[in-house]
Protein backbone atom coordinates (compact mmCIF):
# COMPACT_ATOMS: atom_id res chain seq x y z
CA MET A 1 31.59 -16.01 -61.98
CA ASP A 2 35.55 -15.90 -61.12
CA PHE A 3 35.97 -18.19 -57.90
CA ASN A 4 36.91 -16.76 -54.71
CA ASN A 5 36.39 -17.74 -51.09
CA LEU A 6 32.78 -16.40 -51.42
CA ASN A 7 31.71 -18.98 -54.24
CA ALA A 8 33.23 -21.72 -52.66
CA ILE A 9 30.80 -24.71 -51.57
CA SER A 10 32.78 -26.22 -48.74
CA PRO A 11 33.27 -23.59 -45.87
CA ILE A 12 36.99 -25.56 -45.81
CA ASP A 13 37.63 -23.65 -49.53
CA GLY A 14 35.54 -20.67 -48.36
CA ARG A 15 34.78 -19.60 -44.76
CA TYR A 16 38.02 -20.93 -43.28
CA ARG A 17 40.09 -21.17 -45.95
CA ARG A 18 43.18 -19.09 -43.70
CA HIS A 19 43.15 -21.95 -41.79
CA THR A 20 43.31 -24.71 -44.32
CA GLU A 21 45.74 -23.03 -47.23
CA SER A 22 48.99 -25.22 -45.50
CA ILE A 23 47.23 -28.48 -46.84
CA GLU A 24 46.08 -26.78 -50.43
CA LYS A 25 49.88 -28.10 -52.01
CA TYR A 26 48.57 -31.66 -50.50
CA PHE A 27 45.31 -32.34 -51.48
CA SER A 28 44.08 -29.87 -54.01
CA GLU A 29 43.71 -31.38 -57.91
CA ALA A 30 46.46 -29.78 -58.56
CA ALA A 31 48.43 -31.41 -56.04
CA LEU A 32 47.11 -34.49 -57.00
CA ILE A 33 48.39 -34.09 -60.50
CA ARG A 34 52.10 -32.71 -59.46
CA TYR A 35 52.38 -35.90 -56.93
CA ARG A 36 51.31 -37.90 -60.10
CA ILE A 37 54.16 -36.22 -62.08
CA LEU A 38 56.51 -36.83 -59.21
CA VAL A 39 56.13 -40.61 -59.36
CA GLU A 40 55.97 -40.82 -63.38
CA VAL A 41 59.25 -38.67 -63.42
CA GLU A 42 60.78 -40.61 -60.22
CA TYR A 43 60.22 -44.00 -61.68
CA PHE A 44 61.10 -43.03 -65.43
CA ILE A 45 64.68 -41.93 -63.32
CA ALA A 46 65.00 -45.62 -61.44
CA LEU A 47 64.62 -47.08 -64.47
CA CYS A 48 67.40 -45.45 -66.44
CA GLU A 49 69.25 -46.22 -63.32
CA LEU A 50 68.55 -49.63 -63.07
CA PRO A 51 69.32 -49.78 -66.15
CA LEU A 52 66.88 -50.76 -68.57
CA PRO A 53 68.86 -51.67 -71.71
CA GLU A 54 67.10 -49.46 -74.03
CA LEU A 55 67.89 -46.42 -71.30
CA LYS A 56 71.58 -47.19 -70.26
CA ASN A 57 72.47 -43.99 -73.04
CA VAL A 58 70.29 -41.68 -71.26
CA ASP A 59 72.38 -39.12 -69.33
CA SER A 60 71.60 -38.35 -65.93
CA SER A 61 72.67 -34.73 -66.32
CA ILE A 62 69.24 -34.64 -67.41
CA TYR A 63 67.52 -35.93 -64.57
CA PRO A 64 67.08 -32.24 -62.75
CA GLN A 65 65.45 -31.13 -65.79
CA LEU A 66 62.69 -34.23 -65.77
CA ARG A 67 62.31 -33.69 -61.87
CA ALA A 68 61.45 -29.74 -62.43
CA LEU A 69 58.45 -31.03 -63.94
CA TYR A 70 57.44 -31.43 -60.50
CA THR A 71 59.61 -29.34 -58.51
CA ASP A 72 58.56 -26.07 -60.38
CA PHE A 73 55.24 -27.32 -61.09
CA LYS A 74 53.08 -24.26 -61.82
CA ASN A 75 48.85 -23.87 -62.53
CA SER A 76 49.26 -23.38 -66.05
CA ASP A 77 50.99 -26.93 -66.02
CA ALA A 78 47.94 -28.32 -64.13
CA GLN A 79 45.39 -26.85 -66.94
CA ARG A 80 47.40 -28.01 -69.28
CA VAL A 81 46.95 -31.58 -68.16
CA LYS A 82 43.54 -31.12 -67.63
CA ASP A 83 43.02 -29.95 -70.93
CA ILE A 84 44.52 -33.19 -72.58
CA GLU A 85 42.21 -34.94 -69.79
CA LYS A 86 39.17 -33.50 -71.86
CA ILE A 87 40.50 -35.57 -75.08
CA THR A 88 41.67 -39.16 -73.34
CA ASN A 89 38.93 -38.95 -70.63
CA HIS A 90 41.48 -40.52 -68.67
CA ASP A 91 43.25 -38.58 -65.67
CA VAL A 92 46.66 -40.48 -65.52
CA LYS A 93 46.96 -40.77 -68.84
CA ALA A 94 46.80 -37.23 -69.39
CA VAL A 95 49.52 -36.82 -66.90
CA GLU A 96 52.01 -39.78 -69.02
CA TYR A 97 50.92 -37.20 -72.35
CA PHE A 98 51.83 -34.43 -70.68
CA ILE A 99 55.21 -35.60 -69.71
CA LYS A 100 56.35 -36.56 -72.97
CA GLU A 101 54.79 -33.56 -74.77
CA LYS A 102 57.15 -31.54 -72.14
CA ILE A 103 60.26 -33.73 -72.85
CA ASP A 104 59.61 -34.63 -76.64
CA SER A 105 62.02 -31.73 -77.42
CA TRP A 106 65.01 -33.33 -74.95
CA GLY A 107 66.33 -35.58 -77.20
CA LEU A 108 65.51 -38.42 -75.51
CA GLY A 109 63.82 -40.42 -78.80
CA ASN A 110 62.22 -43.21 -78.19
CA SER A 111 63.12 -43.44 -74.47
CA THR A 112 60.01 -41.41 -73.95
CA GLU A 113 58.14 -44.79 -74.51
CA PHE A 114 59.04 -46.10 -71.12
CA ILE A 115 57.45 -43.20 -69.41
CA HIS A 116 54.77 -44.79 -67.31
CA PHE A 117 56.41 -48.30 -68.77
CA GLY A 118 54.55 -51.36 -67.86
CA LEU A 119 52.19 -49.68 -64.90
CA THR A 120 48.43 -49.23 -64.36
CA SER A 121 47.02 -46.00 -63.00
CA GLN A 122 46.50 -47.42 -59.57
CA ASP A 123 50.46 -47.80 -59.32
CA ILE A 124 50.51 -43.95 -59.97
CA ASN A 125 47.66 -43.24 -57.46
CA ASN A 126 48.35 -45.88 -54.89
CA THR A 127 51.69 -44.11 -54.47
CA SER A 128 51.05 -40.47 -54.95
CA ILE A 129 47.90 -40.40 -52.68
CA PRO A 130 49.85 -41.70 -49.71
CA LEU A 131 52.89 -40.00 -50.78
CA SER A 132 50.89 -36.69 -50.14
CA LEU A 133 48.97 -38.04 -47.05
CA LYS A 134 52.62 -38.69 -45.93
CA HIS A 135 53.83 -35.42 -46.14
CA ALA A 136 50.84 -33.55 -45.08
CA VAL A 137 50.43 -35.59 -41.94
CA GLU A 138 54.13 -35.15 -41.24
CA GLU A 139 54.41 -31.73 -42.02
CA VAL A 140 51.14 -29.62 -41.21
CA ILE A 141 48.75 -32.43 -39.60
CA ILE A 142 51.17 -33.85 -36.83
CA PRO A 143 53.00 -30.80 -35.74
CA GLU A 144 49.59 -28.85 -35.34
CA LEU A 145 48.56 -31.73 -32.92
CA GLU A 146 51.76 -31.26 -31.32
CA THR A 147 51.35 -27.42 -30.86
CA THR A 148 48.23 -28.06 -29.31
CA ILE A 149 49.35 -30.83 -26.65
CA GLN A 150 52.50 -28.07 -25.75
CA GLN A 151 49.59 -25.39 -25.02
CA LEU A 152 47.85 -27.88 -23.35
CA ASN A 153 50.73 -29.08 -21.19
CA GLN A 154 51.65 -25.33 -20.37
CA LEU A 155 48.13 -24.76 -19.16
CA SER A 156 48.75 -27.89 -17.11
CA ASP A 157 51.77 -26.64 -15.30
CA ASP A 158 50.10 -23.12 -14.68
CA TRP A 159 47.27 -24.66 -12.89
CA SER A 160 48.90 -27.29 -11.20
CA ALA A 161 48.29 -26.14 -8.17
CA ILE A 162 44.62 -25.22 -8.28
CA PRO A 163 42.59 -27.40 -6.33
CA LEU A 164 38.75 -28.27 -7.99
CA LEU A 165 36.09 -29.92 -7.28
CA ALA A 166 35.88 -33.20 -9.21
CA ARG A 167 32.16 -34.41 -10.70
CA THR A 168 31.48 -37.70 -11.19
CA HIS A 169 27.54 -38.49 -12.58
CA GLY A 170 27.48 -34.56 -12.41
CA GLN A 171 27.57 -35.00 -8.46
CA PRO A 172 30.25 -33.67 -6.19
CA ALA A 173 33.42 -35.81 -6.23
CA SER A 174 36.63 -35.93 -4.05
CA PRO A 175 38.52 -32.83 -5.38
CA THR A 176 41.35 -33.02 -7.74
CA ARG A 177 43.59 -30.39 -9.33
CA LEU A 178 43.04 -28.53 -12.81
CA GLY A 179 46.37 -28.85 -14.07
CA LYS A 180 46.20 -32.75 -13.37
CA GLU A 181 42.93 -32.65 -15.09
CA ILE A 182 44.16 -30.69 -18.03
CA TYR A 183 47.16 -33.27 -18.25
CA VAL A 184 44.79 -36.22 -18.57
CA PHE A 185 44.39 -35.09 -22.27
CA VAL A 186 48.04 -34.23 -22.86
CA GLU A 187 48.88 -38.18 -22.05
CA ARG A 188 45.88 -38.94 -23.94
CA LEU A 189 46.85 -37.37 -27.05
CA GLN A 190 50.26 -38.08 -26.90
CA ILE A 191 49.52 -41.90 -26.36
CA GLN A 192 47.72 -41.44 -29.60
CA LEU A 193 49.75 -39.52 -31.63
CA ASN A 194 52.57 -42.20 -31.06
CA GLN A 195 50.30 -44.59 -32.42
CA LEU A 196 49.60 -42.47 -35.58
CA LYS A 197 53.17 -41.93 -36.12
CA SER A 198 53.78 -45.28 -36.05
CA ILE A 199 51.63 -46.41 -38.86
CA PRO A 200 53.16 -46.96 -42.01
CA PHE A 201 52.32 -45.31 -45.64
CA SER A 202 51.79 -48.22 -47.75
CA ALA A 203 51.48 -48.12 -51.60
CA LYS A 204 50.71 -50.54 -54.25
CA PHE A 205 53.23 -50.54 -57.02
CA GLY A 206 53.12 -54.03 -59.49
CA GLY A 207 51.56 -53.37 -62.43
CA ALA A 208 47.87 -54.24 -63.92
CA THR A 209 46.80 -56.98 -61.33
CA GLY A 210 50.04 -56.74 -58.79
CA ASN A 211 52.27 -59.08 -60.97
CA PHE A 212 54.52 -57.27 -62.85
CA ASN A 213 52.71 -59.33 -65.92
CA ALA A 214 54.32 -56.75 -68.55
CA HIS A 215 57.54 -56.31 -66.96
CA GLN A 216 58.25 -59.50 -66.63
CA VAL A 217 56.76 -60.69 -69.89
CA ALA A 218 59.54 -57.92 -71.32
CA TYR A 219 62.35 -58.70 -68.79
CA PRO A 220 62.30 -61.70 -66.99
CA MET A 221 65.60 -61.23 -66.26
CA ILE A 222 64.98 -58.43 -63.73
CA ASN A 223 63.79 -58.80 -59.86
CA TRP A 224 61.04 -56.73 -60.71
CA ARG A 225 59.81 -57.36 -56.82
CA ASP A 226 63.32 -55.93 -55.73
CA PHE A 227 63.33 -52.91 -58.02
CA ALA A 228 59.93 -52.03 -56.73
CA ASN A 229 60.52 -52.52 -53.34
CA ASN A 230 63.73 -50.22 -53.74
CA PHE A 231 62.09 -47.50 -55.37
CA VAL A 232 58.70 -47.24 -53.04
CA ASP A 233 60.55 -47.78 -49.80
CA ASN A 234 63.97 -46.53 -50.34
CA GLY A 235 63.05 -43.84 -53.07
CA LEU A 236 59.79 -42.62 -52.20
CA LYS A 237 59.89 -43.70 -48.46
CA LEU A 238 56.75 -45.20 -48.70
CA LYS A 239 56.31 -48.98 -47.90
CA ARG A 240 55.22 -51.00 -50.73
CA SER A 241 52.40 -53.71 -50.12
CA GLN A 242 53.99 -57.02 -51.62
CA THR A 243 51.10 -59.10 -52.41
CA THR A 244 48.02 -57.13 -53.92
CA THR A 245 45.52 -56.91 -56.39
CA GLN A 246 45.16 -54.05 -58.86
CA ILE A 247 44.84 -51.89 -56.18
CA GLU A 248 46.41 -51.17 -52.91
CA HIS A 249 44.44 -52.64 -50.12
CA TYR A 250 44.31 -49.43 -47.50
CA ASP A 251 44.12 -51.40 -44.71
CA ASN A 252 47.05 -49.27 -42.98
CA LEU A 253 45.44 -46.19 -44.69
CA ALA A 254 42.42 -47.08 -42.97
CA ALA A 255 44.69 -47.19 -39.50
CA LEU A 256 45.59 -44.07 -40.46
CA PHE A 257 41.82 -42.28 -40.68
CA ASP A 258 40.74 -44.26 -37.30
CA ALA A 259 44.10 -43.35 -35.19
CA THR A 260 43.21 -39.74 -36.25
CA LYS A 261 39.85 -40.42 -35.31
CA ARG A 262 40.55 -41.52 -31.74
CA ILE A 263 42.42 -38.49 -31.58
CA ASN A 264 39.82 -36.21 -32.60
CA ASN A 265 37.26 -38.09 -30.36
CA ILE A 266 39.86 -36.97 -27.38
CA LEU A 267 40.14 -33.41 -28.88
CA ILE A 268 35.78 -33.93 -28.38
CA ASP A 269 36.11 -34.68 -24.77
CA LEU A 270 38.12 -32.05 -24.16
CA ASP A 271 36.05 -29.45 -26.09
CA ARG A 272 32.93 -30.62 -24.13
CA ASP A 273 34.82 -30.29 -20.72
CA ILE A 274 36.67 -26.99 -21.32
CA TRP A 275 32.62 -26.03 -22.49
CA THR A 276 31.20 -27.29 -19.20
CA TYR A 277 33.70 -25.36 -16.90
CA ILE A 278 33.60 -22.08 -18.74
CA SER A 279 29.27 -22.73 -18.04
CA MET A 280 29.93 -23.11 -14.34
CA ASP A 281 32.18 -19.82 -14.57
CA TYR A 282 35.44 -21.64 -13.71
CA PHE A 283 36.77 -20.18 -16.78
CA LYS A 284 36.44 -16.43 -18.32
CA GLN A 285 37.49 -15.63 -21.45
CA VAL A 286 39.46 -12.75 -22.70
CA ILE A 287 37.13 -10.32 -24.48
CA LYS A 288 38.30 -8.95 -27.44
CA ALA A 289 37.28 -5.40 -28.55
CA GLY A 290 34.15 -5.07 -30.97
CA GLU A 291 33.09 -8.86 -31.02
CA ILE A 292 29.90 -9.61 -30.11
CA GLY A 293 28.64 -12.68 -28.25
CA SER A 294 24.95 -12.24 -29.49
CA SER A 295 22.88 -10.61 -31.75
CA ALA A 296 20.41 -10.46 -28.87
CA MET A 297 21.92 -10.78 -25.51
CA PRO A 298 24.83 -7.79 -25.05
CA HIS A 299 26.40 -9.71 -21.84
CA LYS A 300 27.06 -13.12 -23.69
CA VAL A 301 30.57 -13.91 -24.25
CA ASN A 302 29.94 -17.79 -26.02
CA PRO A 303 32.30 -20.58 -25.79
CA ILE A 304 32.51 -20.20 -29.85
CA ASP A 305 36.20 -21.66 -30.46
CA PHE A 306 35.08 -24.80 -28.69
CA GLU A 307 31.63 -25.62 -30.35
CA ASN A 308 33.42 -24.50 -33.27
CA SER A 309 36.18 -26.87 -32.64
CA GLU A 310 33.63 -29.86 -31.84
CA GLY A 311 31.40 -29.37 -34.82
CA ASN A 312 34.47 -29.58 -37.15
CA LEU A 313 35.55 -32.47 -35.18
CA GLY A 314 32.53 -34.25 -35.73
CA ILE A 315 32.51 -33.53 -39.46
CA ALA A 316 35.89 -34.74 -40.05
CA ASN A 317 35.09 -37.98 -38.04
CA ALA A 318 31.91 -38.68 -39.70
CA ILE A 319 34.07 -38.93 -43.13
CA PHE A 320 36.95 -40.79 -41.45
CA GLU A 321 34.98 -43.20 -40.74
CA HIS A 322 33.08 -43.93 -44.27
CA LEU A 323 36.75 -43.59 -45.76
CA SER A 324 37.94 -46.31 -42.84
CA ALA A 325 35.19 -48.54 -43.85
CA LYS A 326 34.76 -48.19 -47.62
CA LEU A 327 38.55 -48.18 -48.77
CA PRO A 328 39.42 -51.81 -48.10
CA ILE A 329 37.01 -52.91 -49.43
CA SER A 330 37.04 -54.16 -53.61
CA ARG A 331 34.93 -56.43 -55.77
CA LEU A 332 37.49 -59.14 -56.85
CA GLN A 333 40.68 -57.50 -58.41
CA ARG A 334 39.12 -53.99 -58.75
CA ASP A 335 36.16 -51.82 -58.96
CA LEU A 336 36.12 -48.21 -59.14
CA THR A 337 34.63 -47.41 -56.40
CA ASP A 338 37.50 -46.27 -54.35
CA SER A 339 38.31 -43.52 -57.12
CA THR A 340 36.13 -40.84 -56.04
CA VAL A 341 36.23 -41.73 -52.04
CA LEU A 342 40.43 -41.27 -52.24
CA ARG A 343 39.59 -37.56 -53.75
CA ASN A 344 37.65 -36.64 -50.69
CA VAL A 345 40.95 -37.69 -48.39
CA GLY A 346 42.14 -33.89 -47.73
CA VAL A 347 38.66 -33.10 -46.47
CA PRO A 348 38.33 -34.69 -42.59
CA PHE A 349 41.83 -33.47 -42.55
CA GLY A 350 40.81 -29.54 -43.89
CA HIS A 351 38.40 -30.03 -40.90
CA THR A 352 40.76 -31.39 -38.24
CA LEU A 353 42.79 -28.49 -38.84
CA ILE A 354 40.16 -25.96 -38.64
CA ALA A 355 39.04 -27.93 -35.33
CA LEU A 356 42.76 -27.37 -33.83
CA LYS A 357 43.05 -23.80 -34.88
CA SER A 358 40.20 -23.11 -33.26
CA LEU A 359 40.57 -24.71 -29.89
CA GLN A 360 44.02 -23.16 -30.01
CA LYS A 361 42.63 -20.17 -30.16
CA GLY A 362 39.78 -20.64 -27.34
CA LEU A 363 42.69 -22.09 -25.27
CA GLY A 364 44.46 -19.17 -25.43
CA LYS A 365 41.55 -16.93 -24.52
CA LEU A 366 40.89 -18.68 -20.78
CA ILE A 367 41.10 -16.55 -17.95
CA ILE A 368 40.79 -19.14 -14.68
CA ASN A 369 38.39 -17.74 -12.46
CA GLU A 370 39.64 -19.22 -9.00
CA GLU A 371 37.31 -17.46 -7.08
CA LYS A 372 34.15 -19.46 -8.14
CA ILE A 373 36.49 -22.32 -7.98
CA ARG A 374 37.02 -21.62 -4.45
CA GLN A 375 33.54 -20.67 -3.59
CA ASP A 376 32.12 -24.39 -5.06
CA LEU A 377 34.86 -26.09 -2.55
CA GLU A 378 33.47 -24.26 0.35
CA ASN A 379 30.41 -25.40 -1.09
CA ASN A 380 30.90 -28.54 -0.74
CA TRP A 381 32.81 -30.05 2.41
CA ALA A 382 30.46 -33.10 2.36
CA VAL A 383 33.63 -34.27 -0.08
CA VAL A 384 35.78 -34.68 2.34
CA ALA A 385 33.58 -37.84 3.68
CA GLU A 386 35.48 -40.21 1.64
CA ALA A 387 38.95 -38.97 3.63
CA ILE A 388 37.55 -39.34 7.06
CA GLN A 389 35.80 -42.83 7.03
CA THR A 390 39.39 -43.79 5.22
CA VAL A 391 41.42 -42.74 8.00
CA LEU A 392 38.80 -44.25 10.26
CA ARG A 393 39.28 -47.33 8.91
CA ARG A 394 42.95 -47.14 9.48
CA GLU A 395 42.29 -46.55 13.19
CA GLY A 396 39.97 -49.52 13.46
CA PHE A 397 36.66 -47.44 14.04
CA PRO A 398 33.64 -49.63 13.63
CA LYS A 399 31.19 -48.65 10.59
CA PRO A 400 33.15 -45.66 9.49
CA TYR A 401 31.62 -45.58 6.03
CA GLU A 402 28.01 -45.88 7.70
CA ALA A 403 28.28 -43.22 10.20
CA LEU A 404 29.89 -40.83 7.09
CA LYS A 405 26.99 -41.58 5.27
CA GLU A 406 24.66 -40.92 7.79
CA LEU A 407 25.92 -37.39 8.20
CA THR A 408 26.37 -36.16 4.56
CA ARG A 409 23.39 -37.60 3.54
CA THR A 410 20.90 -35.34 5.28
CA ASN A 411 19.59 -32.45 3.84
CA GLU A 412 21.44 -29.86 5.90
CA LYS A 413 24.45 -28.17 4.12
CA ILE A 414 27.68 -30.13 5.52
CA THR A 415 30.00 -27.10 6.21
CA ALA A 416 33.61 -26.86 7.71
CA GLU A 417 31.92 -25.92 11.25
CA SER A 418 29.39 -29.32 10.95
CA ILE A 419 32.71 -31.56 9.88
CA SER A 420 34.29 -30.25 13.12
CA GLN A 421 31.41 -30.71 15.45
CA PHE A 422 30.83 -34.46 14.02
CA ILE A 423 34.41 -35.06 14.49
CA GLU A 424 34.72 -34.14 17.79
CA THR A 425 31.60 -36.66 18.63
CA LEU A 426 33.86 -39.68 17.54
CA ASN A 427 35.40 -41.79 20.04
CA ILE A 428 38.98 -41.51 18.82
CA SER A 429 41.97 -39.57 20.29
CA ASN A 430 42.62 -35.75 20.31
CA GLU A 431 45.46 -36.66 17.66
CA ILE A 432 43.43 -38.46 15.15
CA LYS A 433 40.68 -35.81 15.57
CA LYS A 434 43.37 -32.95 14.80
CA GLU A 435 44.46 -35.31 11.55
CA LEU A 436 40.73 -34.87 10.44
CA LYS A 437 39.95 -31.27 11.03
CA GLN A 438 43.56 -30.90 8.98
CA ILE A 439 41.89 -32.63 5.65
CA SER A 440 39.43 -29.91 3.63
CA PRO A 441 38.10 -29.65 0.06
CA TYR A 442 41.50 -27.24 -0.84
CA ASN A 443 43.77 -29.85 0.50
CA TYR A 444 42.21 -33.42 -0.40
CA THR A 445 43.78 -33.58 -3.95
CA GLY A 446 45.76 -36.68 -3.89
CA ILE A 447 49.00 -37.40 -5.83
C-alpha cells in the first residue's frame, strides 16, 4: 500500500499533517540522516582547516561541493543511506559509507578515511539531534508561541475595559476585568518562554567514552578539547559538554522538555478557562457555514478548538515527562535505551504545534457577550461587600466585616437597592454614604 496521510498511524503524520509539515525537516527519518551528514561533513572540513597533516593538501574549493551533500539533500539520498544500512545494520556507519561513496570520485584519495575520524556514533547523534532540536525550536516552536502571546496580548487590549465577575472556588468574587484576566496568561507565558530561550542546546563530542582516546593517541600534539569546543560551540552553534561518558548526559535537554511542559500547562489552564467562559455564555463563537457542532443536537456550537488544544497538550506533556525523566539516566558509560527514545523528540513538539494552531483558531472565533457578563454582575451585588466594609474600616466603623457578613449571608438576593438601603442604616456621614453608593460591581475592579 502506498503511504499517504490516510495510512499514517500517528495523527501527527495523518489527520493533522497540515499543522506539522513545518517540523518534518527537523524530526523525520530523512531529517535525522541529513543532520548526521551535516555534522560529518562539517567535522571533516574542520579537520582540513586545522589542518591535520594528512589533510593539508585538501583544496578548500571543494568545501561547497561537500556541503551540498546536506544542503541539496534529497529523498533519494536518504533512501540510499537506508539501503546501505540494510547491509551494515548500523545507521551512523551507513551515513559514513554514503559520504565516502559520494566523494570517492572527487580525487580526495586517502583523505576520505578521515570522514568520521576518531568518533563514535554518539558524537554524531549527540550533535545532530540537539542541532535539529535547536533549529526546530528557534525557527518554528518559539515563533508559534510568540504568535499566540501576541494574539492574547491583542485580546487583552481589546477587552481591557470590560468588567467581569471573578470566581474563586467557583463562587462569585471581587470583580475583575476581562482584559486583565487574559493578560495573566500573557505574562505567565512570556516569563516561561524567556526561561526556555535561556536553555543551551548541549552536545557531546569527545570520542568513544568522552576522552578523545583515539584522537590523542594518533595526534598527541593537538589540543583536541580546544578543537572540539571550537567546532561545536562556534561551528555548530551548540554548547559542548566538557566531561561526558560515551553519550551526552541530556540534562539540558531535560530542562528544555520541562520548560516546554510548563508552557503547555499554562496553555491547558487557558484552554480550560476559555472553555468555562464559553459554557457560561460569556463568549459566543463565530459560526462557519456548513460546520456541524453535534451529530444529534443541531443547536450546538462546541468549543472544539480549545478541547483539541487541551488534548494535544496533554499528550505532548506525557511524552515530555518521559523524555526528561529517562534521558539523563544511563548505565555506566552507555546503554542503548536513549537511542529509541531520542527518535521520539519530535513527537511532543508535533502535538504542541497542533495544540497551538487549534488554540489560535479558537481565540480567533471568540465573540464577547457583554450582555451576559453584565447580567452576572447585576445579579451579584453582594461582591461589593468587601469594598464597603473596607471603607468602613478606614472610617473606624465598629465591626464592619460582621455587619456586611450579616447582610450578605441571608437567603435574600442582594441587589443595588438592598445595598443602598443598608448603607442608609449605617451611622456614618452623608458624605461617606454617598461614596459607598458610588461603588458597584461594574466599577469595583481595582487597578
